[in-house]
């Protein structure tokens, strides 16, 4: 969950009581961590471009990146609540270098163009939250489903995408439920989904994302932050029961000492060892399902 309570949780995690000097330095330098991301020996040369996608609700600005030659499985990447920004472009490039054609979108396009935060801004600042939350409210389940369907169709029209292979999706924070909504909307195309510290995957609402599991195809990764699990310890059980009942394979795991936001390279609580572990599990999933 991404709210004031989570931000206070993360702030406590970053105090000297919780972190040693080396960890504090790593957290303070999280914005620069992108330069330190491991590069695979077999990384493919890539090329990215800014794109504009026409949706039923307007014009979405996005970033598309893929290997410079050949056709590859498509992947739709949903950013966290701070939207499309350099960190997610770099994460998309890294995934592209592993052999995928990746589209990362500005899900707030109805309200504003990306980037939605300036350098030095973060969701733990009240003024930033106040600015973003009205934009967040426009992203209803119906709106996300329309968007996801449109974005998958966009991927299928790119020359770099191999339409004979399935599509994957990855989502962070608020992007986690967007993965499930997209996969449920186009199960003939989306065959793998990865949610990293997903917010609001389980609720009592009739349209809760976990209720969509019977509509999914393929396999899924649900990587849960330790503080999210502490707040809602039953969510993992509900998710496991939903996937088991639907006979859908899913790896649902709480990552120890990994706080909400730990997988995003510019996050204050970026945890590189655990982020690399989660990234590797996503690559394994995509390799098997796509």
C-alpha atoms as a PDB file:
ATOM      1  CA  UNK A   1       0.000   0.000   0.000  1.00  0.00           C
ATOM      2  CA  UNK A   2       1.261   3.480  -0.876  1.00  0.00           C
ATOM      3  CA  UNK A   3      -0.071   6.012   1.645  1.00  0.00           C
ATOM      4  CA  UNK A   4       0.991   8.118   4.599  1.00  0.00           C
ATOM      5  CA  UNK A   5       1.293   5.051   6.842  1.00  0.00           C
ATOM      6  CA  UNK A   6       3.570   3.280   4.399  1.00  0.00           C
ATOM      7  CA  UNK A   7       5.728   6.375   3.996  1.00  0.00           C
ATOM      8  CA  UNK A   8       6.066   6.686   7.783  1.00  0.00           C
ATOM      9  CA  UNK A   9       6.957   2.993   7.902  1.00  0.00           C
ATOM     10  CA  UNK A  10       9.663   3.481   5.295  1.00  0.00           C
ATOM     11  CA  UNK A  11      11.002   6.566   7.067  1.00  0.00           C
ATOM     12  CA  UNK A  12      11.421   4.593  10.286  1.00  0.00           C
ATOM     13  CA  UNK A  13      13.215   1.900   8.313  1.00  0.00           C
ATOM     14  CA  UNK A  14      15.713   4.501   7.109  1.00  0.00           C
ATOM     15  CA  UNK A  15      16.681   5.753  10.583  1.00  0.00           C
ATOM     16  CA  UNK A  16      19.979   4.683  12.183  1.00  0.00           C
ATOM     17  CA  UNK A  17      18.006   2.368  14.487  1.00  0.00           C
ATOM     18  CA  UNK A  18      17.244   0.220  11.469  1.00  0.00           C
ATOM     19  CA  UNK A  19      20.180   0.910   9.164  1.00  0.00           C
ATOM     20  CA  UNK A  20      23.900   0.809   9.557  1.00  0.00           C
ATOM     21  CA  UNK A  21      26.146   3.458   7.997  1.00  0.00           C
ATOM     22  CA  UNK A  22      26.722   1.483   4.804  1.00  0.00           C
ATOM     23  CA  UNK A  23      22.984   0.949   4.284  1.00  0.00           C
ATOM     24  CA  UNK A  24      22.283   4.625   4.929  1.00  0.00           C
ATOM     25  CA  UNK A  25      24.751   5.558   2.208  1.00  0.00           C
ATOM     26  CA  UNK A  26      23.123   3.143  -0.198  1.00  0.00           C
ATOM     27  CA  UNK A  27      19.671   4.584   0.545  1.00  0.00           C
ATOM     28  CA  UNK A  28      20.839   8.166   0.147  1.00  0.00           C
ATOM     29  CA  UNK A  29      22.311   7.260  -3.212  1.00  0.00           C
ATOM     30  CA  UNK A  30      19.325   5.340  -4.492  1.00  0.00           C
ATOM     31  CA  UNK A  31      18.681   7.805  -7.307  1.00  0.00           C
ATOM     32  CA  UNK A  32      22.117   7.016  -8.714  1.00  0.00           C
ATOM     33  CA  UNK A  33      21.746   3.280  -8.369  1.00  0.00           C
ATOM     34  CA  UNK A  34      20.682   2.882 -11.985  1.00  0.00           C
ATOM     35  CA  UNK A  35      24.288   3.270 -13.061  1.00  0.00           C
ATOM     36  CA  UNK A  36      25.231   0.356 -10.814  1.00  0.00           C
ATOM     37  CA  UNK A  37      22.686  -2.123 -12.132  1.00  0.00           C
ATOM     38  CA  UNK A  38      24.349  -5.346 -13.279  1.00  0.00           C
ATOM     39  CA  UNK A  39      24.749  -5.808 -17.008  1.00  0.00           C
ATOM     40  CA  UNK A  40      24.269  -9.329 -18.327  1.00  0.00           C
ATOM     41  CA  UNK A  41      27.095 -10.765 -20.411  1.00  0.00           C
ATOM     42  CA  UNK A  42      24.614 -11.535 -23.174  1.00  0.00           C
ATOM     43  CA  UNK A  43      22.807  -8.162 -23.025  1.00  0.00           C
ATOM     44  CA  UNK A  44      21.416  -7.178 -26.406  1.00  0.00           C
ATOM     45  CA  UNK A  45      21.938  -3.740 -27.941  1.00  0.00           C
ATOM     46  CA  UNK A  46      18.733  -1.763 -27.661  1.00  0.00           C
ATOM     47  CA  UNK A  47      17.071   1.364 -28.935  1.00  0.00           C
ATOM     48  CA  UNK A  48      14.282   3.309 -27.242  1.00  0.00           C
ATOM     49  CA  UNK A  49      11.877   5.962 -28.423  1.00  0.00           C
ATOM     50  CA  UNK A  50       9.145   8.160 -26.983  1.00  0.00           C
ATOM     51  CA  UNK A  51       5.706   7.264 -28.302  1.00  0.00           C
ATOM     52  CA  UNK A  52       2.169   8.608 -28.068  1.00  0.00           C
ATOM     53  CA  UNK A  53      -0.701   6.135 -27.869  1.00  0.00           C
ATOM     54  CA  UNK A  54      -4.286   7.056 -28.705  1.00  0.00           C
ATOM     55  CA  UNK A  55      -6.660   5.578 -26.132  1.00  0.00           C
ATOM     56  CA  UNK A  56     -10.440   5.885 -25.747  1.00  0.00           C
ATOM     57  CA  UNK A  57      -9.742   8.584 -23.145  1.00  0.00           C
ATOM     58  CA  UNK A  58      -6.983  10.644 -24.751  1.00  0.00           C
ATOM     59  CA  UNK A  59      -3.321  10.641 -25.720  1.00  0.00           C
ATOM     60  CA  UNK A  60      -0.943   8.633 -23.541  1.00  0.00           C
ATOM     61  CA  UNK A  61       2.761   9.502 -23.538  1.00  0.00           C
ATOM     62  CA  UNK A  62       4.962   6.440 -23.129  1.00  0.00           C
ATOM     63  CA  UNK A  63       8.395   4.968 -23.762  1.00  0.00           C
ATOM     64  CA  UNK A  64       9.045   1.952 -25.992  1.00  0.00           C
ATOM     65  CA  UNK A  65      12.375   0.120 -26.041  1.00  0.00           C
ATOM     66  CA  UNK A  66      13.519  -3.081 -27.708  1.00  0.00           C
ATOM     67  CA  UNK A  67      16.570  -4.887 -29.090  1.00  0.00           C
ATOM     68  CA  UNK A  68      17.865  -3.301 -32.281  1.00  0.00           C
ATOM     69  CA  UNK A  69      17.251  -6.426 -34.362  1.00  0.00           C
ATOM     70  CA  UNK A  70      14.744  -9.256 -34.509  1.00  0.00           C
ATOM     71  CA  UNK A  71      11.286  -9.731 -33.008  1.00  0.00           C
ATOM     72  CA  UNK A  72      10.717 -10.317 -29.314  1.00  0.00           C
ATOM     73  CA  UNK A  73       7.958 -10.940 -26.759  1.00  0.00           C
ATOM     74  CA  UNK A  74       6.233  -7.748 -25.714  1.00  0.00           C
ATOM     75  CA  UNK A  75       6.063  -6.560 -22.113  1.00  0.00           C
ATOM     76  CA  UNK A  76       3.811  -3.840 -20.700  1.00  0.00           C
ATOM     77  CA  UNK A  77       5.351  -2.128 -17.665  1.00  0.00           C
ATOM     78  CA  UNK A  78       3.183  -0.145 -15.233  1.00  0.00           C
ATOM     79  CA  UNK A  79       5.107   2.374 -13.049  1.00  0.00           C
ATOM     80  CA  UNK A  80       4.474   3.081  -9.384  1.00  0.00           C
ATOM     81  CA  UNK A  81       2.513   6.054  -8.090  1.00  0.00           C
ATOM     82  CA  UNK A  82       5.255   8.527  -9.103  1.00  0.00           C
ATOM     83  CA  UNK A  83       4.734   7.606 -12.731  1.00  0.00           C
ATOM     84  CA  UNK A  84       6.899   7.387 -15.831  1.00  0.00           C
ATOM     85  CA  UNK A  85      10.315   8.920 -15.129  1.00  0.00           C
ATOM     86  CA  UNK A  86      14.014   8.229 -15.823  1.00  0.00           C
ATOM     87  CA  UNK A  87      14.175   5.327 -13.353  1.00  0.00           C
ATOM     88  CA  UNK A  88      11.475   3.429 -15.215  1.00  0.00           C
ATOM     89  CA  UNK A  89      12.994   4.202 -18.590  1.00  0.00           C
ATOM     90  CA  UNK A  90      16.233   2.642 -17.358  1.00  0.00           C
ATOM     91  CA  UNK A  91      14.420  -0.369 -15.920  1.00  0.00           C
ATOM     92  CA  UNK A  92      12.600  -0.814 -19.225  1.00  0.00           C
ATOM     93  CA  UNK A  93      15.909  -0.595 -21.107  1.00  0.00           C
ATOM     94  CA  UNK A  94      17.386  -3.250 -18.859  1.00  0.00           C
ATOM     95  CA  UNK A  95      14.473  -5.587 -19.560  1.00  0.00           C
ATOM     96  CA  UNK A  96      14.755  -4.875 -23.287  1.00  0.00           C
ATOM     97  CA  UNK A  97      18.425  -5.823 -23.194  1.00  0.00           C
ATOM     98  CA  UNK A  98      17.304  -9.234 -21.917  1.00  0.00           C
ATOM     99  CA  UNK A  99      15.361  -9.777 -25.144  1.00  0.00           C
ATOM    100  CA  UNK A 100      11.973  -8.097 -24.696  1.00  0.00           C
ATOM    101  CA  UNK A 101      10.111  -5.302 -26.447  1.00  0.00           C
ATOM    102  CA  UNK A 102       9.009  -3.118 -23.531  1.00  0.00           C
ATOM    103  CA  UNK A 103       6.362  -0.420 -23.290  1.00  0.00           C
ATOM    104  CA  UNK A 104       6.319   1.667 -20.090  1.00  0.00           C
ATOM    105  CA  UNK A 105       3.429   4.109 -19.857  1.00  0.00           C
ATOM    106  CA  UNK A 106       2.358   7.289 -18.130  1.00  0.00           C
ATOM    107  CA  UNK A 107      -0.810   5.960 -16.540  1.00  0.00           C
ATOM    108  CA  UNK A 108      -1.707   9.502 -15.405  1.00  0.00           C
ATOM    109  CA  UNK A 109      -1.996  10.782 -18.977  1.00  0.00           C
ATOM    110  CA  UNK A 110      -5.640  11.828 -18.453  1.00  0.00           C
ATOM    111  CA  UNK A 111      -4.419  14.445 -16.006  1.00  0.00           C
ATOM    112  CA  UNK A 112      -0.828  15.360 -16.880  1.00  0.00           C
ATOM    113  CA  UNK A 113       2.195  14.527 -18.992  1.00  0.00           C
ATOM    114  CA  UNK A 114       5.245  12.770 -17.592  1.00  0.00           C
ATOM    115  CA  UNK A 115       7.340  13.216 -15.616  1.00  0.00           C
ATOM    116  CA  UNK A 116       4.789  13.916 -12.911  1.00  0.00           C
ATOM    117  CA  UNK A 117       7.429  14.564 -10.236  1.00  0.00           C
ATOM    118  CA  UNK A 118      10.391  16.911 -10.382  1.00  0.00           C
ATOM    119  CA  UNK A 119      13.916  16.100  -9.268  1.00  0.00           C
ATOM    120  CA  UNK A 120      14.001  15.894  -5.483  1.00  0.00           C
ATOM    121  CA  UNK A 121      10.273  15.288  -5.107  1.00  0.00           C
ATOM    122  CA  UNK A 122       8.882  12.069  -3.650  1.00  0.00           C
ATOM    123  CA  UNK A 123       5.594  10.645  -2.442  1.00  0.00           C
ATOM    124  CA  UNK A 124       6.578  11.090   1.211  1.00  0.00           C
ATOM    125  CA  UNK A 125       6.168  14.863   0.760  1.00  0.00           C
ATOM    126  CA  UNK A 126       2.584  15.937   1.607  1.00  0.00           C
ATOM    127  CA  UNK A 127       2.406  18.475  -1.230  1.00  0.00           C
ATOM    128  CA  UNK A 128       3.378  15.801  -3.742  1.00  0.00           C
ATOM    129  CA  UNK A 129       0.738  13.402  -2.400  1.00  0.00           C
ATOM    130  CA  UNK A 130      -1.893  16.119  -2.560  1.00  0.00           C
ATOM    131  CA  UNK A 131      -1.029  16.760  -6.196  1.00  0.00           C
ATOM    132  CA  UNK A 132      -0.976  13.111  -7.270  1.00  0.00           C
ATOM    133  CA  UNK A 133      -3.984  11.633  -5.473  1.00  0.00           C
ATOM    134  CA  UNK A 134      -6.650  13.405  -7.588  1.00  0.00           C
ATOM    135  CA  UNK A 135      -4.920  12.035 -10.684  1.00  0.00           C
ATOM    136  CA  UNK A 136      -4.912   8.601  -9.063  1.00  0.00           C
ATOM    137  CA  UNK A 137      -8.683   8.741  -8.506  1.00  0.00           C
ATOM    138  CA  UNK A 138      -9.254   8.926 -12.273  1.00  0.00           C
ATOM    139  CA  UNK A 139      -7.732   5.463 -12.668  1.00  0.00           C
ATOM    140  CA  UNK A 140     -10.845   3.420 -12.023  1.00  0.00           C
ATOM    141  CA  UNK A 141     -10.945  -0.307 -12.711  1.00  0.00           C
ATOM    142  CA  UNK A 142     -12.791   0.386 -15.949  1.00  0.00           C
ATOM    143  CA  UNK A 143     -10.273   3.026 -17.050  1.00  0.00           C
ATOM    144  CA  UNK A 144      -7.305   0.747 -16.334  1.00  0.00           C
ATOM    145  CA  UNK A 145      -8.937  -2.107 -18.231  1.00  0.00           C
ATOM    146  CA  UNK A 146      -9.484   0.124 -21.265  1.00  0.00           C
ATOM    147  CA  UNK A 147      -5.916   1.322 -21.073  1.00  0.00           C
ATOM    148  CA  UNK A 148      -4.411  -2.120 -20.673  1.00  0.00           C
ATOM    149  CA  UNK A 149      -6.306  -3.454 -23.657  1.00  0.00           C
ATOM    150  CA  UNK A 150      -5.178  -0.498 -25.757  1.00  0.00           C
ATOM    151  CA  UNK A 151      -1.546  -0.791 -24.686  1.00  0.00           C
ATOM    152  CA  UNK A 152      -1.429  -4.511 -25.509  1.00  0.00           C
ATOM    153  CA  UNK A 153      -2.836  -3.746 -28.960  1.00  0.00           C
ATOM    154  CA  UNK A 154      -0.153  -1.075 -29.401  1.00  0.00           C
ATOM    155  CA  UNK A 155       2.559  -3.585 -28.596  1.00  0.00           C
ATOM    156  CA  UNK A 156       1.145  -6.018 -31.130  1.00  0.00           C
ATOM    157  CA  UNK A 157       1.465  -3.354 -33.834  1.00  0.00           C
ATOM    158  CA  UNK A 158       5.179  -2.725 -33.274  1.00  0.00           C
ATOM    159  CA  UNK A 159       7.591  -4.303 -35.741  1.00  0.00           C
ATOM    160  CA  UNK A 160       9.890  -5.339 -32.884  1.00  0.00           C
ATOM    161  CA  UNK A 161       7.169  -7.476 -31.240  1.00  0.00           C
ATOM    162  CA  UNK A 162       6.777 -11.153 -32.063  1.00  0.00           C
ATOM    163  CA  UNK A 163       2.986 -11.584 -32.145  1.00  0.00           C
ATOM    164  CA  UNK A 164       3.378 -15.358 -32.313  1.00  0.00           C
ATOM    165  CA  UNK A 165       4.551 -15.251 -28.711  1.00  0.00           C
ATOM    166  CA  UNK A 166       2.653 -14.160 -25.623  1.00  0.00           C
ATOM    167  CA  UNK A 167       2.922 -10.802 -23.862  1.00  0.00           C
ATOM    168  CA  UNK A 168       4.021 -10.209 -20.270  1.00  0.00           C
ATOM    169  CA  UNK A 169       3.283  -7.400 -17.859  1.00  0.00           C
ATOM    170  CA  UNK A 170       5.107  -6.002 -14.832  1.00  0.00           C
ATOM    171  CA  UNK A 171       3.726  -3.527 -12.330  1.00  0.00           C
ATOM    172  CA  UNK A 172       5.063  -1.674  -9.303  1.00  0.00           C
ATOM    173  CA  UNK A 173       3.012  -0.369  -6.360  1.00  0.00           C
ATOM    174  CA  UNK A 174      -0.275   0.818  -7.899  1.00  0.00           C
ATOM    175  CA  UNK A 175       0.886  -0.907 -11.098  1.00  0.00           C
ATOM    176  CA  UNK A 176       0.490  -4.349  -9.510  1.00  0.00           C
ATOM    177  CA  UNK A 177      -3.323  -4.413  -9.784  1.00  0.00           C
ATOM    178  CA  UNK A 178      -3.015  -2.961 -13.275  1.00  0.00           C
ATOM    179  CA  UNK A 179      -1.101  -6.081 -14.302  1.00  0.00           C
ATOM    180  CA  UNK A 180      -3.965  -8.313 -13.182  1.00  0.00           C
ATOM    181  CA  UNK A 181      -6.649  -6.144 -14.765  1.00  0.00           C
ATOM    182  CA  UNK A 182      -4.813  -6.127 -18.092  1.00  0.00           C
ATOM    183  CA  UNK A 183      -4.179  -9.861 -18.016  1.00  0.00           C
ATOM    184  CA  UNK A 184      -7.821 -10.566 -17.217  1.00  0.00           C
ATOM    185  CA  UNK A 185      -8.969  -8.315 -20.060  1.00  0.00           C
ATOM    186  CA  UNK A 186      -6.792  -9.951 -22.750  1.00  0.00           C
ATOM    187  CA  UNK A 187      -5.889 -13.457 -21.529  1.00  0.00           C
ATOM    188  CA  UNK A 188      -5.369 -14.585 -25.113  1.00  0.00           C
ATOM    189  CA  UNK A 189      -2.323 -12.301 -25.259  1.00  0.00           C
ATOM    190  CA  UNK A 190      -1.058 -11.696 -21.715  1.00  0.00           C
ATOM    191  CA  UNK A 191       0.404 -14.910 -20.353  1.00  0.00           C
ATOM    192  CA  UNK A 192       2.663 -13.760 -17.525  1.00  0.00           C
ATOM    193  CA  UNK A 193       2.434 -11.050 -14.900  1.00  0.00           C
ATOM    194  CA  UNK A 194       4.735  -9.779 -12.167  1.00  0.00           C
ATOM    195  CA  UNK A 195       3.557  -7.542  -9.324  1.00  0.00           C
ATOM    196  CA  UNK A 196       6.226  -5.874  -7.171  1.00  0.00           C
ATOM    197  CA  UNK A 197       5.015  -4.422  -3.856  1.00  0.00           C
ATOM    198  CA  UNK A 198       1.579  -4.219  -5.457  1.00  0.00           C
ATOM    199  CA  UNK A 199      -0.921  -1.954  -3.695  1.00  0.00           C
ATOM    200  CA  UNK A 200      -4.529  -3.024  -3.247  1.00  0.00           C
ATOM    201  CA  UNK A 201      -4.407  -6.502  -4.762  1.00  0.00           C
ATOM    202  CA  UNK A 202      -6.947  -7.742  -2.199  1.00  0.00           C
ATOM    203  CA  UNK A 203     -10.021  -5.943  -0.902  1.00  0.00           C
ATOM    204  CA  UNK A 204     -13.681  -6.544  -0.108  1.00  0.00           C
ATOM    205  CA  UNK A 205     -14.755  -4.705  -3.257  1.00  0.00           C
ATOM    206  CA  UNK A 206     -16.579  -6.733  -5.892  1.00  0.00           C
ATOM    207  CA  UNK A 207     -13.991  -5.632  -8.465  1.00  0.00           C
ATOM    208  CA  UNK A 208     -10.951  -6.396  -6.276  1.00  0.00           C
ATOM    209  CA  UNK A 209      -8.039  -7.536  -8.457  1.00  0.00           C
ATOM    210  CA  UNK A 210      -7.774 -10.900  -6.692  1.00  0.00           C
ATOM    211  CA  UNK A 211     -11.270 -11.773  -7.924  1.00  0.00           C
ATOM    212  CA  UNK A 212      -9.968 -11.631 -11.498  1.00  0.00           C
ATOM    213  CA  UNK A 213      -7.623 -14.588 -11.036  1.00  0.00           C
ATOM    214  CA  UNK A 214     -10.025 -17.109 -12.671  1.00  0.00           C
ATOM    215  CA  UNK A 215      -9.849 -15.021 -15.852  1.00  0.00           C
ATOM    216  CA  UNK A 216      -6.054 -15.122 -16.064  1.00  0.00           C
ATOM    217  CA  UNK A 217      -3.895 -17.312 -18.279  1.00  0.00           C
ATOM    218  CA  UNK A 218      -0.269 -18.328 -17.821  1.00  0.00           C
ATOM    219  CA  UNK A 219       1.827 -17.798 -14.688  1.00  0.00           C
ATOM    220  CA  UNK A 220       2.315 -15.012 -12.135  1.00  0.00           C
ATOM    221  CA  UNK A 221       4.771 -13.579  -9.642  1.00  0.00           C
ATOM    222  CA  UNK A 222       3.492 -11.658  -6.626  1.00  0.00           C
ATOM    223  CA  UNK A 223       6.436 -10.130  -4.712  1.00  0.00           C
ATOM    224  CA  UNK A 224       5.252  -8.609  -1.427  1.00  0.00           C
ATOM    225  CA  UNK A 225       7.024  -6.016   0.727  1.00  0.00           C
ATOM    226  CA  UNK A 226       7.565  -6.991   4.353  1.00  0.00           C
ATOM    227  CA  UNK A 227       5.825  -3.890   5.721  1.00  0.00           C
ATOM    228  CA  UNK A 228       2.853  -4.386   3.372  1.00  0.00           C
ATOM    229  CA  UNK A 229       2.579  -7.943   4.676  1.00  0.00           C
ATOM    230  CA  UNK A 230       2.749  -6.708   8.272  1.00  0.00           C
ATOM    231  CA  UNK A 231      -0.221  -4.408   7.622  1.00  0.00           C
ATOM    232  CA  UNK A 232      -2.273  -6.969   5.698  1.00  0.00           C
ATOM    233  CA  UNK A 233      -0.962 -10.421   6.592  1.00  0.00           C
ATOM    234  CA  UNK A 234      -3.994 -12.215   5.193  1.00  0.00           C
ATOM    235  CA  UNK A 235      -3.572 -10.850   1.653  1.00  0.00           C
ATOM    236  CA  UNK A 236      -0.992 -13.452   0.670  1.00  0.00           C
ATOM    237  CA  UNK A 237      -3.298 -16.220   1.889  1.00  0.00           C
ATOM    238  CA  UNK A 238      -6.237 -14.855  -0.092  1.00  0.00           C
ATOM    239  CA  UNK A 239      -4.080 -14.593  -3.200  1.00  0.00           C
ATOM    240  CA  UNK A 240      -2.702 -18.110  -2.811  1.00  0.00           C
ATOM    241  CA  UNK A 241      -6.194 -19.496  -2.355  1.00  0.00           C
ATOM    242  CA  UNK A 242      -7.448 -17.614  -5.420  1.00  0.00           C
ATOM    243  CA  UNK A 243      -4.658 -18.907  -7.657  1.00  0.00           C
ATOM    244  CA  UNK A 244      -4.977 -22.442  -6.303  1.00  0.00           C
ATOM    245  CA  UNK A 245      -8.743 -22.496  -6.817  1.00  0.00           C
ATOM    246  CA  UNK A 246      -8.304 -21.218 -10.380  1.00  0.00           C
ATOM    247  CA  UNK A 247      -5.485 -23.716 -11.020  1.00  0.00           C
ATOM    248  CA  UNK A 248      -3.184 -20.916 -12.093  1.00  0.00           C
ATOM    249  CA  UNK A 249       0.522 -21.169 -11.226  1.00  0.00           C
ATOM    250  CA  UNK A 250       1.770 -18.309  -9.063  1.00  0.00           C
ATOM    251  CA  UNK A 251       4.809 -17.578  -6.927  1.00  0.00           C
ATOM    252  CA  UNK A 252       3.585 -15.480  -4.005  1.00  0.00           C
ATOM    253  CA  UNK A 253       6.408 -14.447  -1.728  1.00  0.00           C
ATOM    254  CA  UNK A 254       7.066 -11.946   1.058  1.00  0.00           C
ATOM    255  CA  UNK A 255      10.571 -10.462   0.730  1.00  0.00           C
ATOM    256  CA  UNK A 256      12.238 -10.158   4.125  1.00  0.00           C
ATOM    257  CA  UNK A 257      13.415  -6.675   5.151  1.00  0.00           C
ATOM    258  CA  UNK A 258      12.188  -5.309   1.816  1.00  0.00           C
ATOM    259  CA  UNK A 259      10.020  -2.244   2.278  1.00  0.00           C
ATOM    260  CA  UNK A 260       7.285  -0.958   0.009  1.00  0.00           C
ATOM    261  CA  UNK A 261       9.114   0.403  -3.039  1.00  0.00           C
ATOM    262  CA  UNK A 262      12.199  -1.794  -2.689  1.00  0.00           C
ATOM    263  CA  UNK A 263      12.346  -2.791  -6.368  1.00  0.00           C
ATOM    264  CA  UNK A 264      12.435   0.686  -7.911  1.00  0.00           C
ATOM    265  CA  UNK A 265      15.938   2.001  -8.495  1.00  0.00           C
ATOM    266  CA  UNK A 266      15.261   5.607  -7.415  1.00  0.00           C
ATOM    267  CA  UNK A 267      13.301   4.645  -4.292  1.00  0.00           C
ATOM    268  CA  UNK A 268      14.660   5.682  -0.904  1.00  0.00           C
ATOM    269  CA  UNK A 269      14.131   2.099   0.257  1.00  0.00           C
ATOM    270  CA  UNK A 270      15.659   0.477  -2.832  1.00  0.00           C
ATOM    271  CA  UNK A 271      17.117  -2.823  -1.665  1.00  0.00           C
ATOM    272  CA  UNK A 272      19.468  -4.000  -4.383  1.00  0.00           C
ATOM    273  CA  UNK A 273      19.986  -7.623  -3.249  1.00  0.00           C
ATOM    274  CA  UNK A 274      16.267  -8.230  -2.825  1.00  0.00           C
ATOM    275  CA  UNK A 275      15.433  -6.228  -5.955  1.00  0.00           C
ATOM    276  CA  UNK A 276      17.841  -8.368  -7.958  1.00  0.00           C
ATOM    277  CA  UNK A 277      16.261 -11.490  -6.524  1.00  0.00           C
ATOM    278  CA  UNK A 278      12.793 -10.321  -7.561  1.00  0.00           C
ATOM    279  CA  UNK A 279      14.072  -9.236 -11.002  1.00  0.00           C
ATOM    280  CA  UNK A 280      15.578 -12.676 -11.523  1.00  0.00           C
ATOM    281  CA  UNK A 281      12.303 -14.370 -10.633  1.00  0.00           C
ATOM    282  CA  UNK A 282      10.523 -12.179 -13.192  1.00  0.00           C
ATOM    283  CA  UNK A 283      13.042 -13.123 -15.889  1.00  0.00           C
ATOM    284  CA  UNK A 284      12.560 -16.799 -15.042  1.00  0.00           C
ATOM    285  CA  UNK A 285       8.786 -16.405 -15.273  1.00  0.00           C
ATOM    286  CA  UNK A 286       8.911 -14.549 -18.587  1.00  0.00           C
ATOM    287  CA  UNK A 287      11.402 -17.059 -19.971  1.00  0.00           C
ATOM    288  CA  UNK A 288       9.020 -19.927 -19.213  1.00  0.00           C
ATOM    289  CA  UNK A 289       5.732 -18.327 -20.173  1.00  0.00           C
ATOM    290  CA  UNK A 290       6.567 -16.056 -23.101  1.00  0.00           C
END
